């Protein structure tokens, strides 16, 4: 009978071919950004079944180091590992087609919150400044990679769950990224990635303007697909946004289930050609908040019991909202955007929506050449309100 050769994890371990790590729980005191295990390999499997790598810092904001780093590698598969208490659990850097599967990377570094004072500046997290957010903790982080899959992993109980950073054509599939105080899944400058069938529950922070979310995409994210994810009880369910000069264009948000968001269930801002399709939204401040979008299609969404608008179009141009069902909101579909230097919503279309039991079905506070037609009124207190600030409204 042949005995399997295993490798005992140790600080500074370097792997250049397939290996099986010896099962057990191992604790390490490592420095900032220092990995316990480093992998530089092609076509390798790193079997970590039964292995737990643990950091030694008891303070959540002082956690340091990396459990395992895969760098300059191709077609590596990391399977079965558990990491606890580092800044980053698994870091994949400058690599192609790396698979991280059945891994648990939890309790990474956590920026503390002050629930007693929601206005405390310490509650703020910076979605736009990489120099800031890269200091936050992350369970699994793909940085400057191409391809790859994160499958059936758990990345919870920390600041951020899974991050795709300047990474193209990667997939996050069937992971649990719940109970993070920042972002469950975070994409920054990622292209053509897929985020599918993940649970991102209770990703929240206190504060009125805080941008915590179940899933967040920002700063030059193009052609990504966010599909069939579940996000209950988050600050925002999904955020898709960008700086003014670095838009995130051509993204798809479809068939997600978002409930009990403190702020907007789905918020999309400063993006072109966004598609928001067939999502289910329940109980949020706003269902879909669409700010400064151009060429967006918002179709087939089901939105229920939002305190503000089911769908809010704020500035933007050529936004089409059609065949949505909005029930029990203060306003079914709203347009606004008369303030500031930006133009009000221009050439938007609100067509063939079912509006039921809302205080107002459609409320146009601002807009140029808005086309309203074919919407079904079922028990709204009023179907249509058009402000005198609107120009060229066509309602049939």
Protein backbone atom coordinates (compact mmCIF):
# COMPACT_ATOMS: atom_id res chain seq x y z
CA UNK A 1 0.00 0.00 0.00
CA UNK A 2 1.48 3.31 -1.06
CA UNK A 3 1.54 6.12 1.53
CA UNK A 4 0.61 9.56 0.24
CA UNK A 5 3.37 12.10 0.63
CA UNK A 6 2.19 15.27 2.38
CA UNK A 7 3.86 18.59 3.07
CA UNK A 8 3.61 20.23 6.46
CA UNK A 9 2.61 23.92 6.22
CA UNK A 10 5.28 26.26 7.57
CA UNK A 11 6.03 29.95 7.39
CA UNK A 12 7.69 30.74 4.06
CA UNK A 13 6.72 27.47 2.38
CA UNK A 14 7.17 27.74 -1.41
CA UNK A 15 5.45 25.32 -3.77
CA UNK A 16 6.35 24.94 -7.46
CA UNK A 17 4.36 21.80 -8.30
CA UNK A 18 1.33 19.88 -7.13
CA UNK A 19 1.29 19.18 -3.41
CA UNK A 20 -0.91 17.82 -0.65
CA UNK A 21 -0.66 19.73 2.60
CA UNK A 22 -0.73 17.74 5.82
CA UNK A 23 -4.11 18.07 7.54
CA UNK A 24 -4.17 19.95 10.82
CA UNK A 25 -4.53 23.40 12.34
CA UNK A 26 -1.49 25.66 12.15
CA UNK A 27 -1.02 29.14 13.63
CA UNK A 28 1.41 31.71 12.26
CA UNK A 29 2.54 35.19 13.23
CA UNK A 30 3.34 36.87 9.92
CA UNK A 31 4.14 40.41 8.84
CA UNK A 32 2.09 42.82 6.76
CA UNK A 33 1.43 41.32 3.31
CA UNK A 34 3.56 38.28 4.13
CA UNK A 35 2.16 34.94 2.92
CA UNK A 36 2.46 31.75 4.90
CA UNK A 37 2.46 29.67 1.70
CA UNK A 38 3.48 30.86 -1.78
CA UNK A 39 2.63 28.98 -4.97
CA UNK A 40 4.48 29.57 -8.24
CA UNK A 41 3.44 26.78 -10.57
CA UNK A 42 1.70 25.75 -13.78
CA UNK A 43 -0.83 22.93 -14.12
CA UNK A 44 -0.76 22.12 -10.41
CA UNK A 45 -3.22 21.07 -7.72
CA UNK A 46 -2.69 22.25 -4.15
CA UNK A 47 -4.82 19.93 -2.03
CA UNK A 48 -5.45 21.54 1.35
CA UNK A 49 -8.29 19.33 2.52
CA UNK A 50 -8.40 19.35 6.30
CA UNK A 51 -5.86 22.17 6.62
CA UNK A 52 -6.54 25.31 8.67
CA UNK A 53 -4.08 28.21 8.54
CA UNK A 54 -4.65 30.72 11.31
CA UNK A 55 -3.24 34.15 12.08
CA UNK A 56 -2.43 35.05 15.66
CA UNK A 57 -3.76 38.62 15.97
CA UNK A 58 -6.77 38.77 18.26
CA UNK A 59 -7.73 42.33 17.23
CA UNK A 60 -9.82 42.29 14.06
CA UNK A 61 -8.30 45.49 12.67
CA UNK A 62 -4.72 44.33 13.37
CA UNK A 63 -4.88 41.10 11.37
CA UNK A 64 -1.93 40.80 9.00
CA UNK A 65 -0.48 38.67 6.28
CA UNK A 66 -1.86 36.23 3.74
CA UNK A 67 -2.78 32.60 4.21
CA UNK A 68 -1.75 31.46 0.72
CA UNK A 69 -0.58 33.48 -2.29
CA UNK A 70 -0.64 32.14 -5.85
CA UNK A 71 1.61 34.33 -8.00
CA UNK A 72 2.74 34.24 -11.63
CA UNK A 73 0.99 30.92 -12.07
CA UNK A 74 -1.22 29.24 -14.63
CA UNK A 75 -3.92 26.61 -14.25
CA UNK A 76 -3.45 26.09 -10.54
CA UNK A 77 -6.24 24.64 -8.41
CA UNK A 78 -6.40 25.35 -4.67
CA UNK A 79 -8.92 23.14 -2.92
CA UNK A 80 -10.19 22.49 0.58
CA UNK A 81 -8.26 25.13 2.54
CA UNK A 82 -9.53 27.02 5.59
CA UNK A 83 -7.91 30.31 6.60
CA UNK A 84 -8.81 32.37 9.66
CA UNK A 85 -7.53 35.67 10.96
CA UNK A 86 -5.27 37.12 8.23
CA UNK A 87 -5.59 40.35 6.28
CA UNK A 88 -6.23 38.25 3.16
CA UNK A 89 -7.05 34.57 3.17
CA UNK A 90 -6.19 33.65 -0.44
CA UNK A 91 -4.41 36.10 -2.78
CA UNK A 92 -4.12 35.25 -6.49
CA UNK A 93 -1.78 37.67 -8.26
CA UNK A 94 -0.64 38.02 -11.90
CA UNK A 95 -2.01 34.58 -12.77
CA UNK A 96 -4.23 32.85 -15.33
CA UNK A 97 -7.03 30.31 -14.95
CA UNK A 98 -6.57 29.72 -11.22
CA UNK A 99 -9.40 27.85 -9.50
CA UNK A 100 -10.11 28.33 -5.79
CA UNK A 101 -12.63 25.72 -4.77
CA UNK A 102 -14.28 24.63 -1.52
CA UNK A 103 -12.18 27.10 0.44
CA UNK A 104 -13.22 28.94 3.61
CA UNK A 105 -11.45 32.30 4.10
CA UNK A 106 -13.07 34.02 7.07
CA UNK A 107 -12.44 36.61 9.77
CA UNK A 108 -9.96 38.63 7.76
CA UNK A 109 -9.09 42.19 8.72
CA UNK A 110 -12.12 44.25 9.69
CA UNK A 111 -12.50 48.02 9.81
CA UNK A 112 -14.52 48.67 12.97
CA UNK A 113 -17.92 50.31 13.01
CA UNK A 114 -19.68 52.60 15.46
CA UNK A 115 -23.31 51.57 15.54
CA UNK A 116 -24.04 54.04 18.34
CA UNK A 117 -23.06 57.00 16.11
CA UNK A 118 -23.97 56.40 12.46
CA UNK A 119 -22.35 59.74 11.53
CA UNK A 120 -18.95 58.67 12.88
CA UNK A 121 -16.43 59.18 10.00
CA UNK A 122 -14.92 55.84 10.93
CA UNK A 123 -17.97 54.12 9.46
CA UNK A 124 -17.11 55.40 5.98
CA UNK A 125 -15.55 52.97 3.48
CA UNK A 126 -14.04 54.25 0.25
CA UNK A 127 -15.27 52.42 -2.82
CA UNK A 128 -13.28 54.59 -5.22
CA UNK A 129 -9.83 54.86 -3.64
CA UNK A 130 -7.84 51.66 -4.13
CA UNK A 131 -5.05 52.90 -1.88
CA UNK A 132 -7.69 53.00 0.83
CA UNK A 133 -9.72 49.86 0.23
CA UNK A 134 -6.76 47.57 -0.46
CA UNK A 135 -5.89 48.01 3.24
CA UNK A 136 -9.22 46.47 4.17
CA UNK A 137 -9.43 42.75 4.74
CA UNK A 138 -10.56 40.37 1.98
CA UNK A 139 -11.24 36.67 2.11
CA UNK A 140 -10.26 35.83 -1.49
CA UNK A 141 -8.57 38.40 -3.74
CA UNK A 142 -7.80 38.02 -7.45
CA UNK A 143 -5.48 40.86 -8.54
CA UNK A 144 -4.38 41.46 -12.16
CA UNK A 145 -5.52 38.02 -13.28
CA UNK A 146 -7.19 36.52 -16.33
CA UNK A 147 -9.72 33.73 -16.15
CA UNK A 148 -10.22 31.60 -13.10
CA UNK A 149 -13.10 30.44 -10.93
CA UNK A 150 -13.97 30.90 -7.27
CA UNK A 151 -16.43 28.11 -6.57
CA UNK A 152 -18.33 26.98 -3.44
CA UNK A 153 -16.20 29.12 -1.16
CA UNK A 154 -17.07 30.89 2.09
CA UNK A 155 -15.69 34.39 2.64
CA UNK A 156 -17.57 35.91 5.54
CA UNK A 157 -17.34 37.58 8.91
CA UNK A 158 -14.91 40.29 7.82
CA UNK A 159 -14.66 43.52 5.83
CA UNK A 160 -14.92 42.11 2.31
CA UNK A 161 -15.60 38.65 0.96
CA UNK A 162 -14.26 38.18 -2.58
CA UNK A 163 -12.52 40.84 -4.68
CA UNK A 164 -11.80 40.80 -8.43
CA UNK A 165 -9.30 43.60 -8.99
CA UNK A 166 -8.15 44.43 -12.53
CA UNK A 167 -9.17 40.90 -13.41
CA UNK A 168 -10.83 39.76 -16.64
CA UNK A 169 -13.05 36.80 -17.49
CA UNK A 170 -13.22 35.31 -13.99
CA UNK A 171 -16.24 33.69 -12.34
CA UNK A 172 -17.52 33.78 -8.75
CA UNK A 173 -19.98 30.91 -8.43
CA UNK A 174 -22.09 29.53 -5.58
CA UNK A 175 -20.16 31.21 -2.77
CA UNK A 176 -21.29 32.46 0.65
CA UNK A 177 -20.07 36.03 1.17
CA UNK A 178 -22.37 36.96 4.02
CA UNK A 179 -21.92 39.07 7.14
CA UNK A 180 -19.20 41.32 5.80
CA UNK A 181 -19.03 44.95 6.91
CA UNK A 182 -18.11 46.23 3.44
CA UNK A 183 -18.77 44.29 0.23
CA UNK A 184 -19.69 40.65 -0.17
CA UNK A 185 -18.33 40.49 -3.72
CA UNK A 186 -16.34 43.46 -5.03
CA UNK A 187 -15.25 44.15 -8.62
CA UNK A 188 -12.86 47.01 -9.43
CA UNK A 189 -11.75 47.56 -13.04
CA UNK A 190 -12.90 44.03 -13.85
CA UNK A 191 -14.08 43.06 -17.33
CA UNK A 192 -16.27 40.26 -18.64
CA UNK A 193 -16.55 38.55 -15.26
CA UNK A 194 -19.53 36.57 -14.00
CA UNK A 195 -20.94 36.70 -10.47
CA UNK A 196 -23.57 33.96 -10.32
CA UNK A 197 -25.67 32.22 -7.67
CA UNK A 198 -23.95 33.65 -4.58
CA UNK A 199 -25.38 34.46 -1.15
CA UNK A 200 -24.38 37.87 0.20
CA UNK A 201 -26.54 38.36 3.28
CA UNK A 202 -26.18 41.03 5.98
CA UNK A 203 -23.38 43.01 4.31
CA UNK A 204 -23.98 46.30 6.07
CA UNK A 205 -22.50 49.25 7.95
CA UNK A 206 -24.16 52.09 9.88
CA UNK A 207 -24.32 55.53 8.27
CA UNK A 208 -26.50 57.49 5.87
CA UNK A 209 -24.06 57.65 2.94
CA UNK A 210 -22.10 54.44 3.52
CA UNK A 211 -21.60 52.33 0.38
CA UNK A 212 -21.63 48.86 1.88
CA UNK A 213 -23.29 46.31 -0.42
CA UNK A 214 -23.83 42.67 -1.10
CA UNK A 215 -22.18 43.13 -4.51
CA UNK A 216 -20.27 46.25 -5.60
CA UNK A 217 -18.84 47.09 -9.04
CA UNK A 218 -16.94 50.30 -9.61
CA UNK A 219 -14.30 52.18 -11.61
CA UNK A 220 -14.10 50.88 -15.15
CA UNK A 221 -15.98 47.59 -14.81
CA UNK A 222 -17.17 46.60 -18.30
CA UNK A 223 -19.25 43.75 -19.68
CA UNK A 224 -19.77 41.91 -16.39
CA UNK A 225 -22.78 39.76 -15.53
CA UNK A 226 -24.34 39.71 -12.04
CA UNK A 227 -26.99 37.01 -12.17
CA UNK A 228 -29.15 34.99 -9.76
CA UNK A 229 -27.57 36.16 -6.52
CA UNK A 230 -29.39 36.59 -3.20
CA UNK A 231 -28.78 39.66 -1.02
CA UNK A 232 -31.02 40.05 2.03
CA UNK A 233 -30.54 42.75 4.67
CA UNK A 234 -27.63 44.65 3.12
CA UNK A 235 -27.07 48.41 3.13
CA UNK A 236 -27.35 48.23 -0.67
CA UNK A 237 -28.04 44.99 -2.45
CA UNK A 238 -26.02 45.86 -5.55
CA UNK A 239 -23.99 48.97 -6.34
CA UNK A 240 -22.78 49.63 -9.89
CA UNK A 241 -20.97 52.93 -10.06
CA UNK A 242 -17.88 54.81 -11.23
CA UNK A 243 -16.04 58.06 -11.07
CA UNK A 244 -17.13 60.72 -13.54
CA UNK A 245 -14.17 59.96 -15.83
CA UNK A 246 -14.05 56.18 -15.43
CA UNK A 247 -17.47 54.78 -16.22
CA UNK A 248 -18.54 51.16 -15.91
CA UNK A 249 -20.36 50.24 -19.11
CA UNK A 250 -22.25 47.36 -20.68
CA UNK A 251 -22.99 45.44 -17.48
CA UNK A 252 -25.90 43.06 -16.88
CA UNK A 253 -27.76 42.79 -13.56
CA UNK A 254 -30.39 40.07 -13.88
CA UNK A 255 -32.59 37.70 -11.87
CA UNK A 256 -31.18 38.70 -8.49
CA UNK A 257 -33.23 38.61 -5.28
CA UNK A 258 -32.72 41.65 -3.03
CA UNK A 259 -34.72 42.23 0.14
CA UNK A 260 -34.78 44.54 3.17
CA UNK A 261 -32.05 46.93 1.99
CA UNK A 262 -31.44 49.93 4.23
CA UNK A 263 -30.83 52.12 1.18
CA UNK A 264 -31.37 51.21 -2.48
CA UNK A 265 -31.80 47.58 -3.41
CA UNK A 266 -29.97 48.16 -6.71
CA UNK A 267 -28.10 51.40 -7.36
CA UNK A 268 -26.57 52.14 -10.77
CA UNK A 269 -24.75 55.43 -11.41
CA UNK A 270 -22.59 57.02 -14.12
CA UNK A 271 -22.76 54.05 -16.48
CA UNK A 272 -23.75 53.49 -20.11
CA UNK A 273 -25.71 50.63 -21.66
CA UNK A 274 -26.62 48.96 -18.38
CA UNK A 275 -29.25 46.21 -18.44
CA UNK A 276 -31.31 45.64 -15.28
CA UNK A 277 -33.58 42.69 -15.98
CA UNK A 278 -35.98 40.45 -14.07
CA UNK A 279 -34.73 41.22 -10.57
CA UNK A 280 -36.94 40.69 -7.50
CA UNK A 281 -36.83 43.52 -4.96
CA UNK A 282 -38.69 43.78 -1.66
CA UNK A 283 -38.64 46.44 1.04
CA UNK A 284 -35.95 49.03 0.41
CA UNK A 285 -35.72 52.81 0.50
CA UNK A 286 -35.71 52.79 -3.31
CA UNK A 287 -36.01 49.65 -5.40
CA UNK A 288 -33.87 50.64 -8.39
CA UNK A 289 -31.95 53.91 -8.16
CA UNK A 290 -30.69 54.89 -11.63
CA UNK A 291 -28.47 57.96 -11.57
CA UNK A 292 -26.87 59.60 -14.63
CA UNK A 293 -27.32 56.53 -16.83
CA UNK A 294 -27.33 56.58 -20.61
CA UNK A 295 -28.94 53.95 -22.76
CA UNK A 296 -30.06 51.74 -19.86
CA UNK A 297 -32.78 49.10 -20.27
CA UNK A 298 -34.78 48.33 -17.10
CA UNK A 299 -37.17 45.52 -17.91
CA UNK A 300 -39.18 42.79 -16.24
CA UNK A 301 -38.28 43.65 -12.65
CA UNK A 302 -40.65 42.91 -9.76
CA UNK A 303 -40.52 45.55 -7.02
CA UNK A 304 -42.58 45.47 -3.84
CA UNK A 305 -43.11 47.79 -0.85
CA UNK A 306 -40.34 50.38 -1.11
CA UNK A 307 -40.55 53.48 1.08
CA UNK A 308 -39.55 55.79 -1.78
CA UNK A 309 -39.70 54.98 -5.47
CA UNK A 310 -39.82 51.52 -6.95
CA UNK A 311 -37.78 52.85 -9.88
CA UNK A 312 -36.07 56.25 -9.63
CA UNK A 313 -34.51 57.78 -12.76
CA UNK A 314 -32.24 60.62 -11.61
CA UNK A 315 -30.76 62.63 -14.50
CA UNK A 316 -29.47 60.52 -17.41
CA UNK A 317 -30.67 59.99 -20.97
CA UNK A 318 -32.41 57.37 -23.09
CA UNK A 319 -33.35 55.17 -20.14
CA UNK A 320 -36.10 52.68 -20.97
CA UNK A 321 -38.27 51.32 -18.13
CA UNK A 322 -40.70 48.77 -19.51
CA UNK A 323 -42.74 45.76 -18.43
CA UNK A 324 -41.82 46.14 -14.78
CA UNK A 325 -44.21 45.37 -11.93
CA UNK A 326 -44.16 47.87 -9.05
CA UNK A 327 -46.49 47.42 -6.08
CA UNK A 328 -47.04 49.14 -2.74
CA UNK A 329 -44.42 51.91 -3.05
CA UNK A 330 -44.71 55.62 -2.34
CA UNK A 331 -44.09 56.16 -6.07
CA UNK A 332 -44.04 53.44 -8.67
CA UNK A 333 -41.70 55.10 -11.17
CA UNK A 334 -40.18 58.56 -10.62
CA UNK A 335 -38.04 60.94 -12.63
CA UNK A 336 -36.07 63.78 -11.11
CA UNK A 337 -32.91 65.76 -11.78
CA UNK A 338 -33.61 69.45 -12.16
CA UNK A 339 -30.85 70.54 -9.78
CA UNK A 340 -27.12 70.95 -10.42
CA UNK A 341 -25.29 71.40 -13.69
CA UNK A 342 -26.35 68.10 -15.25
CA UNK A 343 -29.29 67.95 -17.62
CA UNK A 344 -32.58 66.48 -16.40
CA UNK A 345 -33.61 63.03 -17.66
CA UNK A 346 -33.78 63.29 -21.43
CA UNK A 347 -35.52 61.09 -24.02
CA UNK A 348 -36.54 58.43 -21.50
CA UNK A 349 -39.38 55.95 -22.05
CA UNK A 350 -41.75 54.52 -19.43
CA UNK A 351 -43.78 51.83 -21.15
CA UNK A 352 -46.08 48.91 -20.41
CA UNK A 353 -45.40 48.72 -16.68
CA UNK A 354 -47.86 47.30 -14.14
CA UNK A 355 -48.29 49.81 -11.33
CA UNK A 356 -50.36 48.58 -8.42
CA UNK A 357 -51.36 50.10 -5.05
CA UNK A 358 -48.74 52.84 -5.10
CA UNK A 359 -49.44 56.31 -3.74
CA UNK A 360 -48.53 57.66 -7.19
CA UNK A 361 -47.99 55.40 -10.15
CA UNK A 362 -45.65 57.67 -12.17
CA UNK A 363 -44.25 60.97 -10.94
CA UNK A 364 -42.23 63.14 -13.33
CA UNK A 365 -40.55 65.94 -11.39
CA UNK A 366 -38.13 66.72 -14.23
CA UNK A 367 -37.51 65.57 -17.75
CA UNK A 368 -37.26 66.43 -21.41
CA UNK A 369 -39.22 64.55 -24.03
CA UNK A 370 -40.29 61.71 -21.73
CA UNK A 371 -42.54 59.16 -23.45
CA UNK A 372 -45.15 57.49 -21.20
CA UNK A 373 -47.43 54.84 -22.70
CA UNK A 374 -49.25 51.58 -22.09
CA UNK A 375 -48.83 51.50 -18.29
CA UNK A 376 -51.45 49.57 -16.32
CA UNK A 377 -53.09 51.34 -13.37
CA UNK A 378 -54.29 49.01 -10.61
CA UNK A 379 -55.40 50.78 -7.46
CA UNK A 380 -52.88 53.63 -7.38
CA UNK A 381 -54.09 56.77 -5.61
CA UNK A 382 -53.02 58.65 -8.74
CA UNK A 383 -51.54 57.20 -11.92
CA UNK A 384 -49.56 60.14 -13.36
CA UNK A 385 -48.20 63.41 -12.01
CA UNK A 386 -46.22 65.66 -14.35
CA UNK A 387 -44.44 68.71 -12.94
CA UNK A 388 -44.46 72.01 -14.79
CA UNK A 389 -40.65 71.68 -14.93
CA UNK A 390 -41.04 68.86 -17.46
CA UNK A 391 -40.73 69.76 -21.14
CA UNK A 392 -42.14 67.84 -24.11
CA UNK A 393 -43.77 65.02 -22.15
CA UNK A 394 -45.78 62.64 -24.33
CA UNK A 395 -48.32 60.59 -22.34
CA UNK A 396 -50.75 58.17 -23.97
